[in-house]
PDB file of N, CA and C in Angstrom:
ATOM      1  N   MET A   1       0.816  -1.191   0.000  1.00  0.00           N
ATOM      2  CA  MET A   1       0.000   0.000   0.000  1.00  0.00           C
ATOM      3  C   MET A   1       0.865   1.262   0.000  1.00  0.00           C
ATOM      4  N   TYR A   2       2.007   1.210   0.723  1.00  0.00           N
ATOM      5  CA  TYR A   2       2.893   2.380   0.770  1.00  0.00           C
ATOM      6  C   TYR A   2       3.394   2.744  -0.615  1.00  0.00           C
ATOM      7  N   LEU A   3       3.700   1.760  -1.436  1.00  0.00           N
ATOM      8  CA  LEU A   3       4.266   2.024  -2.758  1.00  0.00           C
ATOM      9  C   LEU A   3       3.261   2.690  -3.691  1.00  0.00           C
ATOM     10  N   THR A   4       1.974   2.472  -3.474  1.00  0.00           N
ATOM     11  CA  THR A   4       0.980   3.116  -4.330  1.00  0.00           C
ATOM     12  C   THR A   4       0.704   4.550  -3.904  1.00  0.00           C
ATOM     13  N   LEU A   5       1.234   4.986  -2.764  1.00  0.00           N
ATOM     14  CA  LEU A   5       1.038   6.352  -2.299  1.00  0.00           C
ATOM     15  C   LEU A   5       2.152   7.290  -2.742  1.00  0.00           C
ATOM     16  N   ARG A   6       3.241   6.758  -3.249  1.00  0.00           N
ATOM     17  CA  ARG A   6       4.356   7.602  -3.675  1.00  0.00           C
ATOM     18  C   ARG A   6       4.144   8.033  -5.114  1.00  0.00           C
ATOM     19  N   PRO A   7       4.085   9.356  -5.367  1.00  0.00           N
ATOM     20  CA  PRO A   7       3.795   9.831  -6.721  1.00  0.00           C
ATOM     21  C   PRO A   7       4.848   9.449  -7.750  1.00  0.00           C
ATOM     22  N   ASP A   8       6.090   9.265  -7.335  1.00  0.00           N
ATOM     23  CA  ASP A   8       7.151   8.987  -8.299  1.00  0.00           C
ATOM     24  C   ASP A   8       7.115   7.562  -8.843  1.00  0.00           C
ATOM     25  N   ILE A   9       6.541   6.621  -8.106  1.00  0.00           N
ATOM     26  CA  ILE A   9       6.522   5.230  -8.570  1.00  0.00           C
ATOM     27  C   ILE A   9       5.125   4.622  -8.585  1.00  0.00           C
ATOM     28  N   MET A  10       4.103   5.438  -8.384  1.00  0.00           N
ATOM     29  CA  MET A  10       2.746   4.914  -8.294  1.00  0.00           C
ATOM     30  C   MET A  10       2.327   4.167  -9.561  1.00  0.00           C
ATOM     31  N   PHE A  11       2.589   4.751 -10.719  1.00  0.00           N
ATOM     32  CA  PHE A  11       2.138   4.124 -11.961  1.00  0.00           C
ATOM     33  C   PHE A  11       2.814   2.765 -12.169  1.00  0.00           C
ATOM     34  N   ALA A  12       4.133   2.711 -11.963  1.00  0.00           N
ATOM     35  CA  ALA A  12       4.859   1.447 -12.154  1.00  0.00           C
ATOM     36  C   ALA A  12       4.399   0.391 -11.153  1.00  0.00           C
ATOM     37  N   THR A  13       4.153   0.793  -9.921  1.00  0.00           N
ATOM     38  CA  THR A  13       3.708  -0.153  -8.902  1.00  0.00           C
ATOM     39  C   THR A  13       2.317  -0.694  -9.223  1.00  0.00           C
ATOM     40  N   CYS A  14       1.407   0.190  -9.603  1.00  0.00           N
ATOM     41  CA  CYS A  14       0.052  -0.256  -9.939  1.00  0.00           C
ATOM     42  C   CYS A  14       0.045  -1.159 -11.162  1.00  0.00           C
ATOM     43  N   LEU A  15       0.929  -0.882 -12.111  1.00  0.00           N
ATOM     44  CA  LEU A  15       1.022  -1.734 -13.295  1.00  0.00           C
ATOM     45  C   LEU A  15       1.515  -3.129 -12.915  1.00  0.00           C
ATOM     46  N   CYS A  16       2.464  -3.210 -11.994  1.00  0.00           N
ATOM     47  CA  CYS A  16       2.954  -4.526 -11.541  1.00  0.00           C
ATOM     48  C   CYS A  16       1.880  -5.297 -10.775  1.00  0.00           C
ATOM     49  N   THR A  17       1.070  -4.601  -9.993  1.00  0.00           N
ATOM     50  CA  THR A  17       0.059  -5.308  -9.202  1.00  0.00           C
ATOM     51  C   THR A  17      -1.057  -5.879 -10.059  1.00  0.00           C
ATOM     52  N   ARG A  18      -1.241  -5.378 -11.272  1.00  0.00           N
ATOM     53  CA  ARG A  18      -2.259  -5.949 -12.157  1.00  0.00           C
ATOM     54  C   ARG A  18      -1.953  -7.400 -12.495  1.00  0.00           C
ATOM     55  N   TYR A  19      -0.676  -7.744 -12.517  1.00  0.00           N
ATOM     56  CA  TYR A  19      -0.250  -9.088 -12.917  1.00  0.00           C
ATOM     57  C   TYR A  19       0.240  -9.898 -11.732  1.00  0.00           C
ATOM     58  N   GLN A  20      -0.206  -9.555 -10.534  1.00  0.00           N
ATOM     59  CA  GLN A  20       0.267 -10.224  -9.333  1.00  0.00           C
ATOM     60  C   GLN A  20      -0.129 -11.697  -9.309  1.00  0.00           C
ATOM     61  N   ALA A  21      -1.319 -12.027  -9.750  1.00  0.00           N
ATOM     62  CA  ALA A  21      -1.795 -13.406  -9.709  1.00  0.00           C
ATOM     63  C   ALA A  21      -1.144 -14.269 -10.790  1.00  0.00           C
ATOM     64  N   GLN A  22      -0.804 -13.671 -11.947  1.00  0.00           N
ATOM     65  CA  GLN A  22      -0.203 -14.433 -13.040  1.00  0.00           C
ATOM     66  C   GLN A  22       1.100 -13.755 -13.476  1.00  0.00           C
ATOM     67  N   SER A  23       2.018 -13.640 -12.556  1.00  0.00           N
ATOM     68  CA  SER A  23       3.275 -12.955 -12.864  1.00  0.00           C
ATOM     69  C   SER A  23       4.247 -13.880 -13.596  1.00  0.00           C
ATOM     70  N   ASN A  24       5.201 -13.252 -14.285  1.00  0.00           N
ATOM     71  CA  ASN A  24       6.262 -13.996 -14.952  1.00  0.00           C
ATOM     72  C   ASN A  24       7.600 -13.315 -14.660  1.00  0.00           C
ATOM     73  N   VAL A  25       8.628 -13.693 -15.355  1.00  0.00           N
ATOM     74  CA  VAL A  25       9.974 -13.176 -15.095  1.00  0.00           C
ATOM     75  C   VAL A  25      10.048 -11.671 -15.329  1.00  0.00           C
ATOM     76  N   ASN A  26       9.399 -11.165 -16.359  1.00  0.00           N
ATOM     77  CA  ASN A  26       9.427  -9.727 -16.643  1.00  0.00           C
ATOM     78  C   ASN A  26       8.823  -8.913 -15.500  1.00  0.00           C
ATOM     79  N   HIS A  27       7.750  -9.422 -14.904  1.00  0.00           N
ATOM     80  CA  HIS A  27       7.129  -8.720 -13.794  1.00  0.00           C
ATOM     81  C   HIS A  27       8.044  -8.716 -12.570  1.00  0.00           C
ATOM     82  N   MET A  28       8.743  -9.811 -12.343  1.00  0.00           N
ATOM     83  CA  MET A  28       9.684  -9.880 -11.221  1.00  0.00           C
ATOM     84  C   MET A  28      10.837  -8.911 -11.429  1.00  0.00           C
ATOM     85  N   LEU A  29      11.326  -8.795 -12.664  1.00  0.00           N
ATOM     86  CA  LEU A  29      12.407  -7.840 -12.946  1.00  0.00           C
ATOM     87  C   LEU A  29      11.938  -6.399 -12.735  1.00  0.00           C
ATOM     88  N   ALA A  30      10.706  -6.107 -13.114  1.00  0.00           N
ATOM     89  CA  ALA A  30      10.167  -4.759 -12.893  1.00  0.00           C
ATOM     90  C   ALA A  30      10.040  -4.474 -11.402  1.00  0.00           C
ATOM     91  N   ALA A  31       9.589  -5.447 -10.616  1.00  0.00           N
ATOM     92  CA  ALA A  31       9.476  -5.258  -9.166  1.00  0.00           C
ATOM     93  C   ALA A  31      10.847  -5.041  -8.534  1.00  0.00           C
ATOM     94  N   LYS A  32      11.861  -5.745  -9.023  1.00  0.00           N
ATOM     95  CA  LYS A  32      13.216  -5.545  -8.499  1.00  0.00           C
ATOM     96  C   LYS A  32      13.742  -4.158  -8.832  1.00  0.00           C
ATOM     97  N   LYS A  33      13.413  -3.645 -10.029  1.00  0.00           N
ATOM     98  CA  LYS A  33      13.820  -2.281 -10.377  1.00  0.00           C
ATOM     99  C   LYS A  33      13.180  -1.258  -9.448  1.00  0.00           C
ATOM    100  N   ILE A  34      11.907  -1.476  -9.118  1.00  0.00           N
ATOM    101  CA  ILE A  34      11.227  -0.573  -8.191  1.00  0.00           C
ATOM    102  C   ILE A  34      11.906  -0.610  -6.828  1.00  0.00           C
ATOM    103  N   MET A  35      12.254  -1.790  -6.347  1.00  0.00           N
ATOM    104  CA  MET A  35      12.915  -1.915  -5.048  1.00  0.00           C
ATOM    105  C   MET A  35      14.291  -1.252  -5.048  1.00  0.00           C
ATOM    106  N   ARG A  36      15.044  -1.409  -6.148  1.00  0.00           N
ATOM    107  CA  ARG A  36      16.355  -0.737  -6.235  1.00  0.00           C
ATOM    108  C   ARG A  36      16.196   0.775  -6.240  1.00  0.00           C
ATOM    109  N   TYR A  37      15.160   1.263  -6.919  1.00  0.00           N
ATOM    110  CA  TYR A  37      14.894   2.697  -6.928  1.00  0.00           C
ATOM    111  C   TYR A  37      14.566   3.193  -5.517  1.00  0.00           C
ATOM    112  N   LEU A  38      13.746   2.441  -4.797  1.00  0.00           N
ATOM    113  CA  LEU A  38      13.393   2.828  -3.425  1.00  0.00           C
ATOM    114  C   LEU A  38      14.613   2.863  -2.516  1.00  0.00           C
ATOM    115  N   LYS A  39      15.510   1.932  -2.699  1.00  0.00           N
ATOM    116  CA  LYS A  39      16.723   1.900  -1.878  1.00  0.00           C
ATOM    117  C   LYS A  39      17.556   3.161  -2.089  1.00  0.00           C
ATOM    118  N   GLY A  40      17.571   3.689  -3.302  1.00  0.00           N
ATOM    119  CA  GLY A  40      18.361   4.875  -3.599  1.00  0.00           C
ATOM    120  C   GLY A  40      17.678   6.189  -3.243  1.00  0.00           C
ATOM    121  N   THR A  41      16.389   6.144  -2.882  1.00  0.00           N
ATOM    122  CA  THR A  41      15.657   7.392  -2.605  1.00  0.00           C
ATOM    123  C   THR A  41      15.149   7.449  -1.173  1.00  0.00           C
ATOM    124  N   ARG A  42      15.834   6.808  -0.242  1.00  0.00           N
ATOM    125  CA  ARG A  42      15.378   6.806   1.153  1.00  0.00           C
ATOM    126  C   ARG A  42      15.382   8.194   1.777  1.00  0.00           C
ATOM    127  N   SER A  43      16.251   9.071   1.318  1.00  0.00           N
ATOM    128  CA  SER A  43      16.360  10.387   1.935  1.00  0.00           C
ATOM    129  C   SER A  43      15.426  11.424   1.309  1.00  0.00           C
ATOM    130  N   LEU A  44      14.692  11.076   0.269  1.00  0.00           N
ATOM    131  CA  LEU A  44      13.791  12.025  -0.380  1.00  0.00           C
ATOM    132  C   LEU A  44      12.473  12.144   0.381  1.00  0.00           C
ATOM    133  N   GLY A  45      11.866  13.315   0.297  1.00  0.00           N
ATOM    134  CA  GLY A  45      10.576  13.539   0.941  1.00  0.00           C
ATOM    135  C   GLY A  45       9.979  14.847   0.463  1.00  0.00           C
ATOM    136  N   LEU A  46       8.816  15.194   0.963  1.00  0.00           N
ATOM    137  CA  LEU A  46       8.154  16.444   0.618  1.00  0.00           C
ATOM    138  C   LEU A  46       8.418  17.468   1.707  1.00  0.00           C
ATOM    139  N   TRP A  47       8.619  18.701   1.313  1.00  0.00           N
ATOM    140  CA  TRP A  47       8.917  19.777   2.247  1.00  0.00           C
ATOM    141  C   TRP A  47       7.713  20.698   2.354  1.00  0.00           C
ATOM    142  N   TYR A  48       7.262  20.956   3.569  1.00  0.00           N
ATOM    143  CA  TYR A  48       6.135  21.838   3.832  1.00  0.00           C
ATOM    144  C   TYR A  48       6.616  23.015   4.685  1.00  0.00           C
ATOM    145  N   PRO A  49       6.949  24.161   4.076  1.00  0.00           N
ATOM    146  CA  PRO A  49       7.428  25.301   4.857  1.00  0.00           C
ATOM    147  C   PRO A  49       6.320  25.914   5.717  1.00  0.00           C
ATOM    148  N   ARG A  50       6.708  26.475   6.867  1.00  0.00           N
ATOM    149  CA  ARG A  50       5.737  27.069   7.784  1.00  0.00           C
ATOM    150  C   ARG A  50       5.151  28.364   7.247  1.00  0.00           C
ATOM    151  N   LYS A  51       6.013  29.245   6.769  1.00  0.00           N
ATOM    152  CA  LYS A  51       5.578  30.581   6.353  1.00  0.00           C
ATOM    153  C   LYS A  51       5.166  30.548   4.886  1.00  0.00           C
ATOM    154  N   ASP A  52       3.936  30.210   4.673  1.00  0.00           N
ATOM    155  CA  ASP A  52       3.425  30.119   3.311  1.00  0.00           C
ATOM    156  C   ASP A  52       1.937  30.467   3.324  1.00  0.00           C
ATOM    157  N   GLY A  53       1.399  30.848   2.181  1.00  0.00           N
ATOM    158  CA  GLY A  53      -0.011  31.214   2.093  1.00  0.00           C
ATOM    159  C   GLY A  53      -0.929  30.019   2.227  1.00  0.00           C
ATOM    160  N   PHE A  54      -2.232  30.315   2.343  1.00  0.00           N
ATOM    161  CA  PHE A  54      -3.220  29.258   2.492  1.00  0.00           C
ATOM    162  C   PHE A  54      -4.234  29.248   1.361  1.00  0.00           C
ATOM    163  N   GLU A  55      -3.852  29.725   0.171  1.00  0.00           N
ATOM    164  CA  GLU A  55      -4.773  29.679  -0.954  1.00  0.00           C
ATOM    165  C   GLU A  55      -4.783  28.269  -1.541  1.00  0.00           C
ATOM    166  N   LEU A  56      -5.971  27.819  -1.878  1.00  0.00           N
ATOM    167  CA  LEU A  56      -6.141  26.473  -2.429  1.00  0.00           C
ATOM    168  C   LEU A  56      -6.081  26.559  -3.945  1.00  0.00           C
ATOM    169  N   THR A  57      -5.166  25.807  -4.535  1.00  0.00           N
ATOM    170  CA  THR A  57      -4.990  25.781  -5.980  1.00  0.00           C
ATOM    171  C   THR A  57      -5.081  24.332  -6.446  1.00  0.00           C
ATOM    172  N   ALA A  58      -5.812  24.099  -7.525  1.00  0.00           N
ATOM    173  CA  ALA A  58      -5.975  22.739  -8.037  1.00  0.00           C
ATOM    174  C   ALA A  58      -5.672  22.717  -9.534  1.00  0.00           C
ATOM    175  N   TYR A  59      -5.037  21.648  -9.983  1.00  0.00           N
ATOM    176  CA  TYR A  59      -4.712  21.451 -11.390  1.00  0.00           C
ATOM    177  C   TYR A  59      -5.201  20.071 -11.814  1.00  0.00           C
ATOM    178  N   SER A  60      -5.654  19.957 -13.054  1.00  0.00           N
ATOM    179  CA  SER A  60      -6.052  18.657 -13.581  1.00  0.00           C
ATOM    180  C   SER A  60      -5.675  18.581 -15.061  1.00  0.00           C
ATOM    181  N   ASP A  61      -5.488  17.367 -15.528  1.00  0.00           N
ATOM    182  CA  ASP A  61      -5.158  17.147 -16.935  1.00  0.00           C
ATOM    183  C   ASP A  61      -5.519  15.718 -17.300  1.00  0.00           C
ATOM    184  N   SER A  62      -5.679  15.459 -18.565  1.00  0.00           N
ATOM    185  CA  SER A  62      -5.940  14.105 -19.041  1.00  0.00           C
ATOM    186  C   SER A  62      -5.338  13.938 -20.424  1.00  0.00           C
ATOM    187  N   ASP A  63      -5.123  12.705 -20.799  1.00  0.00           N
ATOM    188  CA  ASP A  63      -4.700  12.427 -22.168  1.00  0.00           C
ATOM    189  C   ASP A  63      -5.759  11.547 -22.819  1.00  0.00           C
ATOM    190  N   TYR A  64      -6.100  11.887 -24.021  1.00  0.00           N
ATOM    191  CA  TYR A  64      -7.166  11.203 -24.742  1.00  0.00           C
ATOM    192  C   TYR A  64      -6.663   9.860 -25.256  1.00  0.00           C
ATOM    193  N   GLY A  65      -7.259   8.770 -24.781  1.00  0.00           N
ATOM    194  CA  GLY A  65      -6.899   7.436 -25.249  1.00  0.00           C
ATOM    195  C   GLY A  65      -5.477   7.052 -24.903  1.00  0.00           C
ATOM    196  N   GLY A  66      -5.013   7.408 -23.716  1.00  0.00           N
ATOM    197  CA  GLY A  66      -3.620   7.196 -23.340  1.00  0.00           C
ATOM    198  C   GLY A  66      -3.225   5.750 -23.135  1.00  0.00           C
ATOM    199  N   CYS A  67      -4.152   4.918 -22.670  1.00  0.00           N
ATOM    200  CA  CYS A  67      -3.834   3.512 -22.439  1.00  0.00           C
ATOM    201  C   CYS A  67      -3.948   2.754 -23.763  1.00  0.00           C
ATOM    202  N   LYS A  68      -2.858   2.136 -24.191  1.00  0.00           N
ATOM    203  CA  LYS A  68      -2.842   1.462 -25.494  1.00  0.00           C
ATOM    204  C   LYS A  68      -3.534   0.108 -25.466  1.00  0.00           C
ATOM    205  N   ARG A  69      -3.831  -0.416 -24.269  1.00  0.00           N
ATOM    206  CA  ARG A  69      -4.514  -1.709 -24.187  1.00  0.00           C
ATOM    207  C   ARG A  69      -6.006  -1.591 -24.460  1.00  0.00           C
ATOM    208  N   ASP A  70      -6.660  -0.607 -23.844  1.00  0.00           N
ATOM    209  CA  ASP A  70      -8.103  -0.479 -24.011  1.00  0.00           C
ATOM    210  C   ASP A  70      -8.533   0.924 -24.444  1.00  0.00           C
ATOM    211  N   PHE A  71      -7.580   1.794 -24.758  1.00  0.00           N
ATOM    212  CA  PHE A  71      -7.820   3.146 -25.287  1.00  0.00           C
ATOM    213  C   PHE A  71      -8.644   4.025 -24.349  1.00  0.00           C
ATOM    214  N   LYS A  72      -8.536   3.762 -23.056  1.00  0.00           N
ATOM    215  CA  LYS A  72      -9.171   4.639 -22.075  1.00  0.00           C
ATOM    216  C   LYS A  72      -8.224   5.790 -21.754  1.00  0.00           C
ATOM    217  N   SER A  73      -8.785   6.922 -21.437  1.00  0.00           N
ATOM    218  CA  SER A  73      -7.976   8.088 -21.105  1.00  0.00           C
ATOM    219  C   SER A  73      -7.466   7.981 -19.674  1.00  0.00           C
ATOM    220  N   ILE A  74      -6.311   8.560 -19.432  1.00  0.00           N
ATOM    221  CA  ILE A  74      -5.722   8.614 -18.102  1.00  0.00           C
ATOM    222  C   ILE A  74      -5.781  10.066 -17.650  1.00  0.00           C
ATOM    223  N   TYR A  75      -6.257  10.282 -16.433  1.00  0.00           N
ATOM    224  CA  TYR A  75      -6.351  11.649 -15.941  1.00  0.00           C
ATOM    225  C   TYR A  75      -5.666  11.766 -14.585  1.00  0.00           C
ATOM    226  N   GLY A  76      -5.313  12.972 -14.251  1.00  0.00           N
ATOM    227  CA  GLY A  76      -4.674  13.216 -12.974  1.00  0.00           C
ATOM    228  C   GLY A  76      -4.926  14.624 -12.507  1.00  0.00           C
ATOM    229  N   GLY A  77      -4.628  14.854 -11.266  1.00  0.00           N
ATOM    230  CA  GLY A  77      -4.802  16.176 -10.700  1.00  0.00           C
ATOM    231  C   GLY A  77      -4.036  16.297  -9.403  1.00  0.00           C
ATOM    232  N   CYS A  78      -3.763  17.522  -9.007  1.00  0.00           N
ATOM    233  CA  CYS A  78      -3.096  17.764  -7.733  1.00  0.00           C
ATOM    234  C   CYS A  78      -3.669  19.031  -7.116  1.00  0.00           C
ATOM    235  N   GLN A  79      -3.693  19.054  -5.802  1.00  0.00           N
ATOM    236  CA  GLN A  79      -4.228  20.180  -5.065  1.00  0.00           C
ATOM    237  C   GLN A  79      -3.152  20.695  -4.117  1.00  0.00           C
ATOM    238  N   PHE A  80      -2.993  22.012  -4.107  1.00  0.00           N
ATOM    239  CA  PHE A  80      -1.990  22.663  -3.272  1.00  0.00           C
ATOM    240  C   PHE A  80      -2.662  23.603  -2.289  1.00  0.00           C
ATOM    241  N   LEU A  81      -2.160  23.647  -1.077  1.00  0.00           N
ATOM    242  CA  LEU A  81      -2.550  24.646  -0.088  1.00  0.00           C
ATOM    243  C   LEU A  81      -1.335  25.534   0.084  1.00  0.00           C
ATOM    244  N   GLY A  82      -1.365  26.707  -0.545  1.00  0.00           N
ATOM    245  CA  GLY A  82      -0.152  27.526  -0.653  1.00  0.00           C
ATOM    246  C   GLY A  82       0.765  26.853  -1.656  1.00  0.00           C
ATOM    247  N   SER A  83       1.975  26.556  -1.249  1.00  0.00           N
ATOM    248  CA  SER A  83       2.890  25.807  -2.113  1.00  0.00           C
ATOM    249  C   SER A  83       3.031  24.359  -1.659  1.00  0.00           C
ATOM    250  N   ARG A  84       2.153  23.930  -0.737  1.00  0.00           N
ATOM    251  CA  ARG A  84       2.234  22.582  -0.179  1.00  0.00           C
ATOM    252  C   ARG A  84       1.264  21.650  -0.886  1.00  0.00           C
ATOM    253  N   LEU A  85       1.784  20.535  -1.329  1.00  0.00           N
ATOM    254  CA  LEU A  85       0.947  19.512  -1.954  1.00  0.00           C
ATOM    255  C   LEU A  85       0.140  18.813  -0.872  1.00  0.00           C
ATOM    256  N   VAL A  86      -1.183  18.815  -0.987  1.00  0.00           N
ATOM    257  CA  VAL A  86      -2.025  18.174   0.017  1.00  0.00           C
ATOM    258  C   VAL A  86      -2.754  16.956  -0.525  1.00  0.00           C
ATOM    259  N   SER A  87      -2.954  16.879  -1.840  1.00  0.00           N
ATOM    260  CA  SER A  87      -3.663  15.746  -2.413  1.00  0.00           C
ATOM    261  C   SER A  87      -3.299  15.621  -3.888  1.00  0.00           C
ATOM    262  N   TRP A  88      -3.298  14.390  -4.389  1.00  0.00           N
ATOM    263  CA  TRP A  88      -3.055  14.170  -5.808  1.00  0.00           C
ATOM    264  C   TRP A  88      -3.675  12.839  -6.193  1.00  0.00           C
ATOM    265  N   GLN A  89      -3.952  12.670  -7.461  1.00  0.00           N
ATOM    266  CA  GLN A  89      -4.499  11.422  -7.970  1.00  0.00           C
ATOM    267  C   GLN A  89      -4.111  11.239  -9.432  1.00  0.00           C
ATOM    268  N   CYS A  90      -4.038  10.010  -9.839  1.00  0.00           N
ATOM    269  CA  CYS A  90      -3.777   9.656 -11.229  1.00  0.00           C
ATOM    270  C   CYS A  90      -4.514   8.342 -11.476  1.00  0.00           C
ATOM    271  N   LYS A  91      -5.487   8.370 -12.369  1.00  0.00           N
ATOM    272  CA  LYS A  91      -6.322   7.184 -12.586  1.00  0.00           C
ATOM    273  C   LYS A  91      -6.657   7.020 -14.062  1.00  0.00           C
ATOM    274  N   LYS A  92      -7.024   5.796 -14.397  1.00  0.00           N
ATOM    275  CA  LYS A  92      -7.551   5.532 -15.728  1.00  0.00           C
ATOM    276  C   LYS A  92      -9.057   5.730 -15.672  1.00  0.00           C
ATOM    277  N   GLN A  93      -9.609   6.404 -16.666  1.00  0.00           N
ATOM    278  CA  GLN A  93     -11.050   6.641 -16.673  1.00  0.00           C
ATOM    279  C   GLN A  93     -11.791   5.328 -16.853  1.00  0.00           C
ATOM    280  N   THR A  94     -12.991   5.264 -16.299  1.00  0.00           N
ATOM    281  CA  THR A  94     -13.748   4.010 -16.335  1.00  0.00           C
ATOM    282  C   THR A  94     -14.408   3.747 -17.686  1.00  0.00           C
ATOM    283  N   ALA A  95     -14.592   4.779 -18.487  1.00  0.00           N
ATOM    284  CA  ALA A  95     -15.256   4.623 -19.784  1.00  0.00           C
ATOM    285  C   ALA A  95     -14.361   5.163 -20.895  1.00  0.00           C
ATOM    286  N   VAL A  96     -14.564   4.667 -22.088  1.00  0.00           N
ATOM    287  CA  VAL A  96     -13.842   5.183 -23.244  1.00  0.00           C
ATOM    288  C   VAL A  96     -14.516   6.481 -23.672  1.00  0.00           C
ATOM    289  N   THR A  97     -13.777   7.574 -23.715  1.00  0.00           N
ATOM    290  CA  THR A  97     -14.359   8.866 -24.086  1.00  0.00           C
ATOM    291  C   THR A  97     -14.343   9.033 -25.595  1.00  0.00           C
ATOM    292  N   GLN A  98     -15.248   9.859 -26.090  1.00  0.00           N
ATOM    293  CA  GLN A  98     -15.390  10.071 -27.523  1.00  0.00           C
ATOM    294  C   GLN A  98     -14.587  11.262 -28.033  1.00  0.00           C
ATOM    295  N   SER A  99     -14.108  12.127 -27.113  1.00  0.00           N
ATOM    296  CA  SER A  99     -13.361  13.303 -27.538  1.00  0.00           C
ATOM    297  C   SER A  99     -12.415  13.746 -26.429  1.00  0.00           C
ATOM    298  N   THR A 100     -11.481  14.609 -26.797  1.00  0.00           N
ATOM    299  CA  THR A 100     -10.572  15.164 -25.786  1.00  0.00           C
ATOM    300  C   THR A 100     -11.333  16.055 -24.817  1.00  0.00           C
ATOM    301  N   CYS A 101     -12.360  16.727 -25.295  1.00  0.00           N
ATOM    302  CA  CYS A 101     -13.177  17.592 -24.432  1.00  0.00           C
ATOM    303  C   CYS A 101     -13.851  16.769 -23.337  1.00  0.00           C
ATOM    304  N   GLU A 102     -14.385  15.625 -23.691  1.00  0.00           N
ATOM    305  CA  GLU A 102     -15.049  14.766 -22.713  1.00  0.00           C
ATOM    306  C   GLU A 102     -14.039  14.229 -21.692  1.00  0.00           C
ATOM    307  N   ALA A 103     -12.837  13.867 -22.153  1.00  0.00           N
ATOM    308  CA  ALA A 103     -11.798  13.386 -21.246  1.00  0.00           C
ATOM    309  C   ALA A 103     -11.374  14.483 -20.271  1.00  0.00           C
ATOM    310  N   GLU A 104     -11.231  15.712 -20.765  1.00  0.00           N
ATOM    311  CA  GLU A 104     -10.864  16.834 -19.898  1.00  0.00           C
ATOM    312  C   GLU A 104     -11.982  17.148 -18.908  1.00  0.00           C
ATOM    313  N   TYR A 105     -13.233  17.022 -19.321  1.00  0.00           N
ATOM    314  CA  TYR A 105     -14.365  17.281 -18.436  1.00  0.00           C
ATOM    315  C   TYR A 105     -14.374  16.286 -17.275  1.00  0.00           C
ATOM    316  N   ILE A 106     -14.123  15.028 -17.563  1.00  0.00           N
ATOM    317  CA  ILE A 106     -14.078  14.009 -16.517  1.00  0.00           C
ATOM    318  C   ILE A 106     -12.937  14.298 -15.550  1.00  0.00           C
ATOM    319  N   ALA A 107     -11.783  14.718 -16.074  1.00  0.00           N
ATOM    320  CA  ALA A 107     -10.640  15.052 -15.217  1.00  0.00           C
ATOM    321  C   ALA A 107     -10.960  16.246 -14.325  1.00  0.00           C
ATOM    322  N   ALA A 108     -11.609  17.260 -14.885  1.00  0.00           N
ATOM    323  CA  ALA A 108     -11.969  18.442 -14.091  1.00  0.00           C
ATOM    324  C   ALA A 108     -12.997  18.089 -13.019  1.00  0.00           C
ATOM    325  N   ALA A 109     -13.951  17.234 -13.335  1.00  0.00           N
ATOM    326  CA  ALA A 109     -14.956  16.827 -12.352  1.00  0.00           C
ATOM    327  C   ALA A 109     -14.318  16.043 -11.212  1.00  0.00           C
ATOM    328  N   SER A 110     -13.371  15.182 -11.540  1.00  0.00           N
ATOM    329  CA  SER A 110     -12.683  14.421 -10.499  1.00  0.00           C
ATOM    330  C   SER A 110     -11.855  15.331  -9.598  1.00  0.00           C
ATOM    331  N   CYS A 111     -11.174  16.291 -10.211  1.00  0.00           N
ATOM    332  CA  CYS A 111     -10.361  17.243  -9.432  1.00  0.00           C
ATOM    333  C   CYS A 111     -11.251  18.098  -8.523  1.00  0.00           C
ATOM    334  N   THR A 112     -12.403  18.508  -9.034  1.00  0.00           N
ATOM    335  CA  THR A 112     -13.334  19.292  -8.234  1.00  0.00           C
ATOM    336  C   THR A 112     -13.876  18.499  -7.060  1.00  0.00           C
ATOM    337  N   SER A 113     -14.161  17.232  -7.269  1.00  0.00           N
ATOM    338  CA  SER A 113     -14.658  16.409  -6.152  1.00  0.00           C
ATOM    339  C   SER A 113     -13.574  16.218  -5.093  1.00  0.00           C
ATOM    340  N   GLN A 114     -12.299  16.160  -5.506  1.00  0.00           N
ATOM    341  CA  GLN A 114     -11.206  16.092  -4.528  1.00  0.00           C
ATOM    342  C   GLN A 114     -11.147  17.365  -3.703  1.00  0.00           C
ATOM    343  N   VAL A 115     -11.342  18.512  -4.338  1.00  0.00           N
ATOM    344  CA  VAL A 115     -11.284  19.789  -3.628  1.00  0.00           C
ATOM    345  C   VAL A 115     -12.419  19.894  -2.619  1.00  0.00           C
ATOM    346  N   VAL A 116     -13.614  19.479  -3.036  1.00  0.00           N
ATOM    347  CA  VAL A 116     -14.778  19.560  -2.148  1.00  0.00           C
ATOM    348  C   VAL A 116     -14.591  18.625  -0.972  1.00  0.00           C
TER     349      VAL A 116
END
């Protein structure tokens, strides 16, 4: 669960967990790469300075048909309180969208629900 919370390796970790029940050598090599990366980044973390504003800022984006397996769009967003990251998400949309406008609308709606 910890590995899916780190923004730098979340996508790779979630991709490996899809094949957890029927893994092969390639999946094991990918998991070892993730572990080696974690070993080298033990000292990294997020910095939250004390003297900063409290304005809430949110960003969202999506790519139309980003997943090459099922052509679903992938969207993401992040929310900042001042310059501090307080929430973020990156997910594959549940439905295949018909246009980039529809994919962006779904991303904006998801980001808005996170803010609320």
